[in-house]
Protein backbone atom coordinates (compact mmCIF):
# COMPACT_ATOMS: atom_id res chain seq x y z
CA MET A 1 16.41 7.01 12.64
CA ALA A 2 19.36 8.95 11.24
CA SER A 3 22.83 7.70 12.12
CA ARG A 4 24.66 10.98 11.55
CA TYR A 5 23.80 14.36 13.00
CA TRP A 6 25.28 17.83 13.02
CA ALA A 7 25.34 19.89 16.20
CA VAL A 8 25.77 23.51 15.13
CA SER A 9 25.54 26.96 16.63
CA LEU A 10 24.91 30.31 14.95
CA SER A 11 25.72 33.72 16.34
CA VAL A 12 22.74 35.74 17.60
CA GLN A 13 22.80 39.54 17.42
CA ASN A 14 19.22 40.37 18.30
CA SER A 15 16.83 37.53 18.99
CA VAL A 16 17.34 33.76 19.19
CA SER A 17 13.80 33.23 17.94
CA THR A 18 14.50 35.36 14.85
CA VAL A 19 17.55 33.27 13.92
CA TRP A 20 15.63 30.06 14.64
CA ASN A 21 12.67 31.14 12.48
CA ASN A 22 14.97 32.16 9.64
CA LEU A 23 16.79 28.85 9.79
CA GLN A 24 13.54 26.87 9.80
CA ASP A 25 12.23 28.93 6.89
CA GLN A 26 15.38 28.38 4.79
CA ILE A 27 15.51 24.65 5.56
CA SER A 28 11.82 24.18 4.66
CA LYS A 29 12.30 26.03 1.36
CA HIS A 30 15.59 24.56 0.18
CA SER A 31 16.13 21.32 2.11
CA PHE A 32 12.70 20.27 3.34
CA ASP A 33 13.77 16.68 4.03
CA THR A 34 16.35 17.78 6.66
CA PRO A 35 15.06 17.35 10.23
CA ILE A 36 16.05 20.22 12.51
CA TYR A 37 15.75 20.54 16.29
CA ARG A 38 16.76 23.01 18.98
CA PHE A 39 19.75 21.88 21.04
CA ASN A 40 18.94 23.22 24.48
CA ILE A 41 22.27 24.05 26.09
CA PRO A 42 22.12 25.94 29.40
CA ASN A 43 24.38 28.84 30.30
CA LEU A 44 27.44 27.08 31.65
CA ARG A 45 30.24 28.52 33.73
CA VAL A 46 32.76 29.99 31.34
CA GLY A 47 35.74 30.69 33.60
CA THR A 48 38.73 32.45 32.11
CA PHE A 49 39.53 32.63 28.42
CA ASP A 50 42.83 30.82 29.06
CA SER A 51 41.06 27.96 30.87
CA LEU A 52 38.66 27.68 27.92
CA LEU A 53 41.52 27.50 25.45
CA SER A 54 43.25 24.88 27.60
CA LEU A 55 40.04 22.86 27.77
CA THR A 56 39.57 22.82 24.00
CA ASP A 57 42.95 21.17 23.62
CA ASP A 58 41.48 18.05 25.29
CA LEU A 59 37.93 18.17 23.96
CA PHE A 60 38.58 16.40 20.66
CA LYS A 61 40.62 13.58 22.21
CA SER A 62 38.03 13.03 24.94
CA ASN A 63 35.21 13.05 22.39
CA SER A 64 36.97 10.40 20.30
CA PHE A 65 37.38 8.25 23.42
CA ILE A 66 33.75 8.61 24.54
CA GLU A 67 32.41 8.03 21.04
CA GLY A 68 34.64 4.96 20.73
CA VAL A 69 33.31 3.45 23.98
CA SER A 70 29.75 4.12 22.82
CA HIS A 71 30.34 2.28 19.54
CA LYS A 72 32.21 -0.53 21.32
CA ILE A 73 29.23 -1.23 23.58
CA ARG A 74 26.85 -0.96 20.63
CA ARG A 75 28.83 -3.55 18.66
CA GLN A 76 28.87 -5.83 21.70
CA ILE A 77 25.08 -5.55 21.95
CA GLU A 78 24.67 -6.39 18.26
CA GLU A 79 26.95 -9.45 18.61
CA LEU A 80 25.15 -10.71 21.73
CA GLU A 81 21.73 -10.25 20.13
CA ARG A 82 22.92 -12.11 17.03
CA VAL A 83 24.30 -15.16 18.86
CA SER A 84 21.24 -15.19 21.14
CA GLY A 85 18.87 -15.16 18.16
CA LEU A 86 17.15 -12.02 19.47
CA GLU A 87 15.58 -9.27 17.44
CA THR A 88 17.49 -5.99 17.53
CA ASN A 89 16.14 -3.77 20.30
CA ALA A 90 16.03 0.00 19.99
CA LEU A 91 18.77 1.48 22.17
CA THR A 92 17.51 3.89 24.80
CA VAL A 93 18.48 6.26 27.57
CA ASP A 94 16.16 5.57 30.51
CA GLY A 95 13.53 4.28 28.09
CA VAL A 96 13.90 7.16 25.61
CA PRO A 97 15.17 6.16 22.12
CA ILE A 98 18.64 7.58 21.58
CA ASP A 99 17.64 9.67 18.56
CA SER A 100 14.83 11.25 20.58
CA TYR A 101 17.22 11.81 23.50
CA LEU A 102 19.53 13.77 21.20
CA THR A 103 16.88 15.73 19.34
CA ARG A 104 15.00 16.57 22.55
CA PHE A 105 18.07 17.00 24.70
CA VAL A 106 17.59 18.28 28.24
CA TRP A 107 20.57 19.08 30.44
CA HIS A 108 20.77 16.90 33.59
CA GLU A 109 21.30 19.61 36.19
CA ALA A 110 21.46 17.23 39.17
CA LYS A 111 24.20 15.14 37.56
CA TYR A 112 26.12 17.99 35.95
CA PRO A 113 25.50 21.24 37.87
CA THR A 114 25.77 24.19 35.51
CA MET A 115 27.72 26.16 38.12
CA SER A 116 30.52 23.58 38.05
CA PRO A 117 33.64 24.54 36.08
CA LEU A 118 33.63 23.16 32.53
CA ARG A 119 36.86 21.28 33.23
CA GLU A 120 35.19 19.54 36.17
CA ILE A 121 32.21 18.51 34.03
CA VAL A 122 34.43 17.23 31.21
CA ASP A 123 36.74 15.31 33.56
CA GLY A 124 33.75 13.82 35.37
CA ILE A 125 32.26 12.57 32.11
CA HIS A 126 35.61 11.12 30.97
CA THR A 127 36.11 9.35 34.32
CA GLN A 128 32.61 7.86 34.30
CA VAL A 129 32.97 6.55 30.73
CA ALA A 130 36.44 5.16 31.47
CA ARG A 131 35.03 3.28 34.47
CA ILE A 132 32.29 1.79 32.28
CA GLU A 133 34.86 0.76 29.66
CA ASP A 134 36.96 -0.98 32.32
CA ASN A 135 33.88 -2.81 33.58
CA LEU A 136 33.04 -3.81 30.00
CA LYS A 137 36.51 -5.30 29.51
CA VAL A 138 36.18 -7.39 32.69
CA ARG A 139 32.70 -8.66 31.84
CA VAL A 140 33.56 -9.46 28.22
CA ALA A 141 36.74 -11.27 29.29
CA GLU A 142 34.74 -13.41 31.73
CA TYR A 143 32.17 -14.23 29.07
CA ASN A 144 34.82 -14.96 26.41
CA ASN A 145 36.72 -17.23 28.81
CA VAL A 146 33.69 -19.47 29.30
CA ARG A 147 32.85 -19.31 25.60
CA GLY A 148 36.45 -20.24 24.77
CA GLN A 149 36.33 -23.29 27.06
CA LEU A 150 33.06 -24.36 25.50
CA ASN A 151 34.40 -23.90 21.98
CA ALA A 152 37.47 -25.97 22.85
CA ILE A 153 35.28 -28.83 24.08
CA ASN A 154 33.06 -28.58 21.00
CA ARG A 155 36.09 -28.68 18.72
CA LYS A 156 37.30 -31.82 20.48
CA GLN A 157 33.91 -33.43 20.01
CA SER A 158 33.28 -32.35 16.44
CA GLY A 159 36.70 -32.07 14.80
CA SER A 160 38.58 -34.58 12.73
CA LEU A 161 38.82 -38.13 14.08
CA ALA A 162 42.58 -37.64 14.15
CA VAL A 163 42.29 -35.16 17.02
CA ARG A 164 38.75 -35.16 18.42
CA ASP A 165 37.60 -36.68 21.70
CA LEU A 166 36.46 -40.26 21.06
CA SER A 167 34.65 -40.89 24.34
CA ASN A 168 31.22 -40.05 22.95
CA LEU A 169 31.75 -42.42 20.00
CA VAL A 170 32.71 -45.49 22.03
CA LYS A 171 30.20 -47.61 23.92
CA PRO A 172 31.05 -50.06 26.73
CA GLU A 173 30.33 -53.05 24.50
CA ASP A 174 32.92 -51.83 21.95
CA ILE A 175 35.77 -52.28 24.43
CA ILE A 176 37.18 -55.61 25.62
CA THR A 177 39.50 -55.42 28.59
CA SER A 178 40.63 -58.54 30.41
CA GLU A 179 43.74 -59.97 31.99
CA HIS A 180 45.24 -60.69 28.56
CA LEU A 181 43.16 -58.89 25.93
CA VAL A 182 42.91 -55.18 25.08
CA THR A 183 40.99 -53.21 22.49
CA LEU A 184 42.79 -50.48 20.56
CA LEU A 185 41.19 -47.67 18.59
CA ALA A 186 42.52 -47.16 15.07
CA ILE A 187 42.02 -44.04 12.90
CA ILE A 188 42.23 -45.04 9.25
CA PRO A 189 42.26 -42.70 6.21
CA LYS A 190 39.08 -43.34 4.24
CA TYR A 191 40.99 -44.36 1.14
CA SER A 192 42.99 -46.94 3.19
CA GLN A 193 40.10 -48.88 4.73
CA LYS A 194 40.49 -51.88 2.41
CA ASP A 195 44.18 -51.97 3.19
CA TRP A 196 43.40 -51.92 6.92
CA LEU A 197 40.84 -54.68 6.77
CA SER A 198 43.15 -56.92 4.76
CA SER A 199 46.26 -56.34 6.85
CA TYR A 200 45.44 -55.55 10.51
CA GLU A 201 45.46 -59.24 11.52
CA THR A 202 49.04 -59.57 10.28
CA LEU A 203 50.58 -56.39 11.70
CA THR A 204 51.77 -58.45 14.65
CA SER A 205 51.08 -61.83 16.25
CA TYR A 206 48.22 -62.54 18.64
CA VAL A 207 45.63 -60.29 16.97
CA VAL A 208 42.11 -61.63 17.40
CA PRO A 209 40.83 -62.54 13.92
CA ARG A 210 37.88 -60.56 12.53
CA SER A 211 37.88 -58.40 15.68
CA SER A 212 38.03 -55.02 13.87
CA LYS A 213 34.75 -53.12 13.78
CA LYS A 214 34.01 -49.71 12.29
CA LEU A 215 32.41 -47.35 14.83
CA TYR A 216 32.31 -44.04 12.97
CA GLU A 217 33.34 -42.30 9.77
CA ASP A 218 33.79 -38.63 8.84
CA ASN A 219 34.94 -36.90 5.65
CA GLU A 220 38.58 -37.90 6.11
CA TYR A 221 38.87 -40.88 8.43
CA ALA A 222 37.19 -44.03 9.63
CA HIS A 223 37.24 -45.15 13.26
CA TYR A 224 37.90 -48.89 13.87
CA THR A 225 38.48 -51.08 16.89
CA VAL A 226 40.83 -54.03 17.02
CA THR A 227 41.32 -56.58 19.82
CA LEU A 228 44.64 -58.28 20.59
CA PHE A 229 46.80 -59.56 23.40
CA GLY A 230 48.04 -56.77 25.61
CA ARG A 231 51.68 -57.87 25.51
CA VAL A 232 51.90 -57.17 21.75
CA ALA A 233 50.07 -53.82 21.81
CA ASP A 234 53.27 -51.75 21.46
CA ASN A 235 54.46 -53.84 18.51
CA PHE A 236 51.05 -53.42 16.88
CA ARG A 237 51.18 -49.60 17.32
CA THR A 238 54.62 -49.48 15.68
CA SER A 239 53.61 -51.64 12.74
CA ALA A 240 50.36 -49.72 12.26
CA ARG A 241 52.17 -46.37 12.25
CA GLU A 242 54.54 -47.67 9.56
CA ARG A 243 51.53 -48.47 7.39
CA GLY A 244 49.96 -45.02 7.90
CA PHE A 245 47.39 -46.12 10.50
CA GLN A 246 46.99 -44.06 13.67
CA ILE A 247 46.35 -45.81 16.99
CA ARG A 248 44.74 -43.38 19.41
CA ASP A 249 45.43 -43.65 23.13
CA PHE A 250 42.12 -44.22 24.85
CA GLU A 251 40.93 -45.54 28.17
CA TYR A 252 37.21 -46.03 28.56
CA SER A 253 35.93 -44.54 31.82
CA PRO A 254 32.21 -44.08 32.47
CA GLU A 255 33.07 -41.78 35.37
CA ALA A 256 35.27 -39.55 33.22
CA GLN A 257 32.64 -39.45 30.49
CA GLU A 258 29.95 -38.46 33.00
CA SER A 259 32.25 -35.78 34.41
CA GLN A 260 32.83 -34.36 30.91
CA THR A 261 29.10 -34.32 30.25
CA GLN A 262 28.45 -32.45 33.49
CA GLU A 263 31.26 -29.99 32.73
CA LEU A 264 29.80 -29.33 29.29
CA GLU A 265 26.31 -28.76 30.67
CA LYS A 266 27.67 -26.39 33.33
CA LEU A 267 29.65 -24.40 30.76
CA ILE A 268 26.58 -24.09 28.53
CA GLN A 269 24.55 -22.86 31.49
CA ASP A 270 27.31 -20.45 32.56
CA GLN A 271 27.63 -19.11 29.02
CA ASP A 272 23.88 -18.47 28.74
CA THR A 273 23.81 -16.77 32.16
CA LEU A 274 26.84 -14.58 31.43
CA ARG A 275 25.56 -13.68 27.97
CA SER A 276 22.18 -12.61 29.32
CA SER A 277 23.77 -10.67 32.16
CA LEU A 278 26.28 -8.98 29.83
CA LEU A 279 23.56 -8.02 27.37
CA GLN A 280 21.40 -6.40 30.04
CA TRP A 281 24.44 -4.59 31.43
CA CYS A 282 25.32 -3.34 27.93
CA TYR A 283 21.79 -1.99 27.39
CA THR A 284 22.01 0.00 30.62
CA SER A 285 25.61 1.10 30.20
CA TYR A 286 25.07 2.18 26.60
CA GLY A 287 22.34 4.52 27.81
CA GLU A 288 24.67 5.95 30.45
CA VAL A 289 27.52 6.47 27.99
CA PHE A 290 25.24 7.98 25.35
CA SER A 291 23.78 10.41 27.86
CA SER A 292 27.27 11.40 29.00
CA TRP A 293 28.35 11.79 25.38
CA MET A 294 25.47 14.14 24.55
CA HIS A 295 26.26 16.27 27.59
CA PHE A 296 29.88 16.31 26.44
CA CYS A 297 28.80 17.45 22.97
CA ALA A 298 26.75 20.22 24.58
CA VAL A 299 29.87 21.37 26.45
CA ARG A 300 31.84 21.33 23.20
CA VAL A 301 29.26 23.40 21.36
CA PHE A 302 29.09 25.86 24.25
CA ALA A 303 32.88 26.19 24.63
CA GLU A 304 33.53 26.55 20.93
CA SER A 305 30.71 29.06 20.58
CA ILE A 306 32.27 31.25 23.26
CA LEU A 307 35.65 31.07 21.53
CA ARG A 308 34.08 31.82 18.16
CA TYR A 309 31.44 34.43 19.02
CA GLY A 310 32.81 35.90 22.26
CA LEU A 311 31.07 36.92 25.49
CA PRO A 312 28.41 37.15 26.73
CA PRO A 313 27.04 33.82 25.33
CA SER A 314 24.62 34.66 22.54
CA PHE A 315 24.07 31.86 20.05
CA LEU A 316 21.47 29.47 18.69
CA ALA A 317 22.38 25.78 19.06
CA CYS A 318 20.54 23.20 17.01
CA VAL A 319 20.78 19.63 15.72
CA LEU A 320 20.28 18.71 12.07
CA ALA A 321 20.21 15.39 10.24
CA PRO A 322 20.83 16.17 6.57
CA SER A 323 20.92 13.45 3.96
CA VAL A 324 24.23 12.84 2.23
CA LYS A 325 22.99 14.44 -0.98
CA GLY A 326 21.58 17.41 0.96
CA GLU A 327 24.67 18.23 3.01
CA LYS A 328 26.08 20.80 0.58
CA LYS A 329 22.78 22.67 0.42
CA VAL A 330 22.43 22.73 4.23
CA ARG A 331 26.00 24.01 4.57
CA SER A 332 25.15 26.79 2.17
CA ILE A 333 22.03 27.71 4.17
CA LEU A 334 23.96 27.83 7.44
CA GLU A 335 26.69 29.98 5.95
CA GLY A 336 24.10 32.31 4.45
CA LEU A 337 22.63 32.90 7.91
CA CYS A 338 26.04 33.48 9.46
CA ASN A 339 27.40 37.01 9.58
CA SER A 340 31.15 36.34 9.49
CA ALA A 341 31.79 39.82 10.83
CA ASN A 342 30.14 38.71 14.05
CA SER A 343 32.50 35.76 14.42
CA THR A 344 35.21 38.04 15.76
CA CYS A 345 37.09 35.17 17.42
CA TRP A 346 37.05 32.99 14.33
CA LYS A 347 39.89 32.60 11.88
CA ASN A 348 40.95 29.60 9.86
CA GLU A 349 44.05 27.58 10.68
CA GLU A 350 46.19 29.49 8.19
CA GLU A 351 45.33 32.72 10.01
CA GLY A 352 46.22 31.17 13.36
CA GLY A 353 42.91 31.95 15.05
CA ALA A 354 41.69 30.58 18.38
CA MET A 355 39.59 27.96 16.63
CA ALA A 356 42.67 26.44 14.96
CA GLY A 357 43.39 24.50 18.13
CA LEU A 358 40.09 22.63 18.05
CA GLY A 359 41.13 20.25 15.27
CA GLY A 360 39.26 17.03 14.49
CA ASP A 361 35.72 17.56 13.27
CA ALA A 362 35.55 21.24 14.15
CA ASP A 363 35.39 22.04 10.44
CA ALA A 364 36.47 25.40 9.00
CA HIS A 365 33.05 27.08 8.77
CA PRO A 366 32.00 30.52 10.02
CA TYR A 367 29.84 28.77 12.61
CA VAL A 368 30.35 25.96 15.13
CA SER A 369 29.75 22.53 13.63
CA LEU A 370 30.29 19.10 15.19
CA THR A 371 29.46 15.75 13.63
CA ILE A 372 27.80 13.14 15.85
CA ASN A 373 27.88 9.58 14.48
CA ILE A 374 25.54 7.61 16.70
CA ALA A 375 25.82 4.35 14.75
């Protein structure tokens, strides 16, 4: 599947089929590896020339917005598939692969009546895509909020011993709590473990001899317990801090630990549910946005063809997918088939023609040309 297409239109003086056959013949002779398809644009309601000029002022900005939403949803799909460990699915519009939808484009008359003013069609497409973008922001924010909470818990449980949650490292039998005795949790730099073991009994009075036990060790710190009389606990903390040992505040609570476990399990379940829901929504919404975008591109080609070639509408619209190395040759073919004398409405920007207001990717060629980047 190509990721970059051109939507072009050529002026027709006699027969559309003649221009189409000539184009096919030239492409097959000089750029045979360039796929080419008819772009079936219906006769839309033109309105006044002034209304058409006014519309073209907004077409480029609206196209950039719609294209941006399309790519935003696509990137979201790719990210969700990656973190879910899913294979990349082909993106579709109502089950039709997006490249086929573009190359076999059919105007949706029921959704966009051809008798509606072009401004009404364009504004309707912009409004629909804006509504989808707003919905995307809400759904992604909800998903990211749960994911953020889960990441915060995971960081607490897997970070450095100096900051991480210790509840899953401490067992009931590691803690002694009585009327007089307490157990403190010490975080000792790995290089200071010998110093700790040789000095903790003397940091203050009433420390239970040989009571320190190592529970866990990571790349930076070791986690020890120490038991002492409760009335000297504050003195012990002060003396330990002066020696570079950290005493972590900790109160063992089976109820709190169970509550944290349940919260973690619920967040994991919520994250999986939201991720799956968001992914399915993105698949559907991408199809809707892509369909709207292709109809918008059809309106652009039609409007710019009228401005370039005049009335009544008489042009051949087609879609090409040239390779990068073949672009120059295809441009040459298109220009060779274009009678610039027939482009009576076309002048370049220096000449101040009507097409100068189109800007963006409406390149300075004697034919209409839009670039569609679908990936």
